Amino acid sequence: MRLASACRERGFTLIELMITVAIIGIIAAIAYPSYQQYVTRSYREKAKACLSEYAQFMERHYTTHLSYVGAMPTLFCATESGLGERYRFEVVSDSARSYTVSARPQGVQLGLDAQCGTLTLNQLGGKGASGTGGATLCW
């Protein structure tokens, strides 16, 4: 009879398995929104860095030509790491002495980053955000 008790089958009961699944579900429900916020902020930071690169390009163009007119930057930062799928970058140079570069959210970023919306940077270093958070929160 000792042999029968030593060979008892081991395993998990259905209740233990369901408790484990419930705990994993609770952890995932808490972690996933935090992860989405982190990814959204990460892409926003990349867009701000790319806007700075555009502004630097515009300043180099101005140093050489004494005008912002005709500057058409095509920078690698706008497409690297999937940034081109989340933001559309534009340069508007209305006059020889002013410009505005903007990063307009699109696709997934548009739905997730309503707080900041379109980020802008001008020749004076003025920063803007069209969303509800405003420039002070988003920059």
Protein backbone atom coordinates (compact mmCIF):
# COMPACT_ATOMS: atom_id res chain seq x y z
CA MET A 1 0.00 0.00 0.00
CA ARG A 2 2.90 2.37 0.48
CA LEU A 3 3.60 2.17 -3.21
CA ALA A 4 0.13 3.48 -4.06
CA SER A 5 0.49 6.56 -1.85
CA ALA A 6 3.97 7.34 -3.23
CA CYS A 7 2.71 7.23 -6.83
CA ARG A 8 -0.10 9.66 -6.26
CA GLU A 9 -0.55 11.95 -9.23
CA ARG A 10 0.54 15.54 -8.81
CA GLY A 11 -0.79 18.53 -10.70
CA PHE A 12 -2.93 21.61 -10.49
CA THR A 13 -6.60 21.69 -9.74
CA LEU A 14 -8.93 23.69 -11.94
CA ILE A 15 -9.45 26.21 -9.11
CA GLU A 16 -5.69 26.82 -8.77
CA LEU A 17 -5.40 27.30 -12.50
CA MET A 18 -8.32 29.76 -12.61
CA ILE A 19 -6.88 31.78 -9.71
CA THR A 20 -3.56 32.03 -11.58
CA VAL A 21 -5.32 33.16 -14.78
CA ALA A 22 -7.30 35.76 -12.79
CA ILE A 23 -4.14 37.15 -11.18
CA ILE A 24 -2.38 37.38 -14.54
CA GLY A 25 -5.45 39.13 -15.99
CA ILE A 26 -5.50 41.70 -13.19
CA ILE A 27 -1.78 42.40 -13.58
CA ALA A 28 -2.18 42.76 -17.36
CA ALA A 29 -5.16 45.10 -16.95
CA ILE A 30 -3.03 47.38 -14.79
CA ALA A 31 0.21 47.11 -16.78
CA TYR A 32 -1.05 47.50 -20.37
CA PRO A 33 -2.45 51.06 -20.07
CA SER A 34 0.76 52.15 -18.34
CA TYR A 35 2.76 50.61 -21.15
CA GLN A 36 0.65 52.41 -23.77
CA GLN A 37 1.21 55.74 -22.00
CA TYR A 38 4.94 55.07 -21.92
CA VAL A 39 5.05 54.30 -25.65
CA THR A 40 3.00 57.41 -26.45
CA ARG A 41 5.32 59.62 -24.39
CA SER A 42 8.34 57.94 -25.98
CA TYR A 43 7.18 58.77 -29.51
CA ARG A 44 6.31 62.32 -28.42
CA GLU A 45 9.87 62.76 -27.12
CA LYS A 46 11.26 61.45 -30.42
CA ALA A 47 9.06 63.91 -32.31
CA LYS A 48 10.29 66.81 -30.16
CA ALA A 49 13.91 65.81 -30.80
CA CYS A 50 13.20 65.63 -34.53
CA LEU A 51 11.59 69.09 -34.43
CA SER A 52 14.80 70.38 -32.88
CA GLU A 53 16.78 68.81 -35.73
CA TYR A 54 14.51 70.52 -38.24
CA ALA A 55 15.02 73.86 -36.46
CA GLN A 56 18.78 73.37 -36.53
CA PHE A 57 18.61 72.65 -40.27
CA MET A 58 16.60 75.82 -40.81
CA GLU A 59 19.13 77.87 -38.83
CA ARG A 60 22.03 76.44 -40.87
CA HIS A 61 20.12 77.33 -44.05
CA TYR A 62 19.56 80.87 -42.77
CA THR A 63 23.26 81.25 -41.90
CA THR A 64 24.21 80.32 -45.45
CA HIS A 65 21.45 82.13 -47.42
CA LEU A 66 20.27 84.85 -44.98
CA SER A 67 16.75 83.61 -45.55
CA TYR A 68 14.54 80.69 -44.53
CA VAL A 69 12.82 80.68 -47.92
CA GLY A 70 13.66 77.67 -50.06
CA ALA A 71 14.78 75.42 -47.21
CA MET A 72 13.36 71.96 -47.78
CA PRO A 73 14.78 69.68 -45.13
CA THR A 74 14.39 65.94 -45.51
CA LEU A 75 15.74 64.46 -42.32
CA PHE A 76 16.25 60.85 -41.34
CA CYS A 77 14.75 61.44 -37.90
CA ALA A 78 11.28 61.81 -39.46
CA THR A 79 11.19 58.18 -40.57
CA GLU A 80 13.40 56.27 -38.14
CA SER A 81 11.97 53.88 -35.55
CA GLY A 82 8.46 54.09 -37.01
CA LEU A 83 8.15 57.80 -36.20
CA GLY A 84 6.87 58.50 -39.72
CA GLU A 85 3.84 56.32 -39.03
CA ARG A 86 2.96 58.31 -35.92
CA TYR A 87 3.85 61.90 -36.89
CA ARG A 88 3.85 63.97 -40.04
CA PHE A 89 6.50 66.67 -40.08
CA GLU A 90 6.00 69.96 -41.93
CA VAL A 91 8.09 73.09 -42.40
CA VAL A 92 6.31 76.35 -43.16
CA SER A 93 8.46 79.33 -44.09
CA ASP A 94 6.14 82.25 -44.77
CA SER A 95 8.87 84.85 -45.04
CA ALA A 96 12.62 85.23 -45.21
CA ARG A 97 12.79 85.77 -41.46
CA SER A 98 10.39 83.24 -39.95
CA TYR A 99 9.48 79.57 -40.00
CA THR A 100 7.43 77.06 -38.08
CA VAL A 101 8.12 73.35 -37.96
CA SER A 102 5.35 71.07 -36.81
CA ALA A 103 4.82 67.43 -35.90
CA ARG A 104 1.19 66.44 -36.47
CA PRO A 105 0.14 63.15 -34.86
CA GLN A 106 -1.45 60.56 -37.12
CA GLY A 107 -2.60 56.98 -36.91
CA VAL A 108 -2.29 55.42 -33.47
CA GLN A 109 -0.59 58.49 -32.00
CA LEU A 110 -3.54 60.70 -32.96
CA GLY A 111 -5.90 58.66 -30.80
CA LEU A 112 -3.51 58.22 -27.88
CA ASP A 113 -1.99 61.70 -27.62
CA ALA A 114 -4.94 64.08 -27.65
CA GLN A 115 -3.40 65.76 -24.61
CA CYS A 116 -0.59 67.28 -26.72
CA GLY A 117 -1.79 67.15 -30.31
CA THR A 118 0.34 68.95 -32.90
CA LEU A 119 3.72 70.08 -31.61
CA THR A 120 5.28 73.23 -33.11
CA LEU A 121 8.59 75.06 -32.91
CA ASN A 122 9.40 78.42 -34.52
CA GLN A 123 12.48 80.51 -35.32
CA LEU A 124 12.38 82.22 -31.91
CA GLY A 125 12.38 78.90 -30.07
CA GLY A 126 8.68 79.28 -29.29
CA LYS A 127 7.13 75.93 -28.52
CA GLY A 128 3.47 75.07 -28.94
CA ALA A 129 1.02 72.21 -28.60
CA SER A 130 -2.53 72.19 -29.95
CA GLY A 131 -3.89 69.69 -27.44
CA THR A 132 -5.55 70.21 -24.10
CA GLY A 133 -2.25 69.94 -22.20
CA GLY A 134 -0.68 72.99 -23.80
CA ALA A 135 2.99 73.71 -24.42
CA THR A 136 4.04 73.77 -20.77
CA LEU A 137 2.88 70.22 -20.14
CA CYS A 138 3.88 68.74 -23.49
CA TRP A 139 7.31 70.33 -23.94
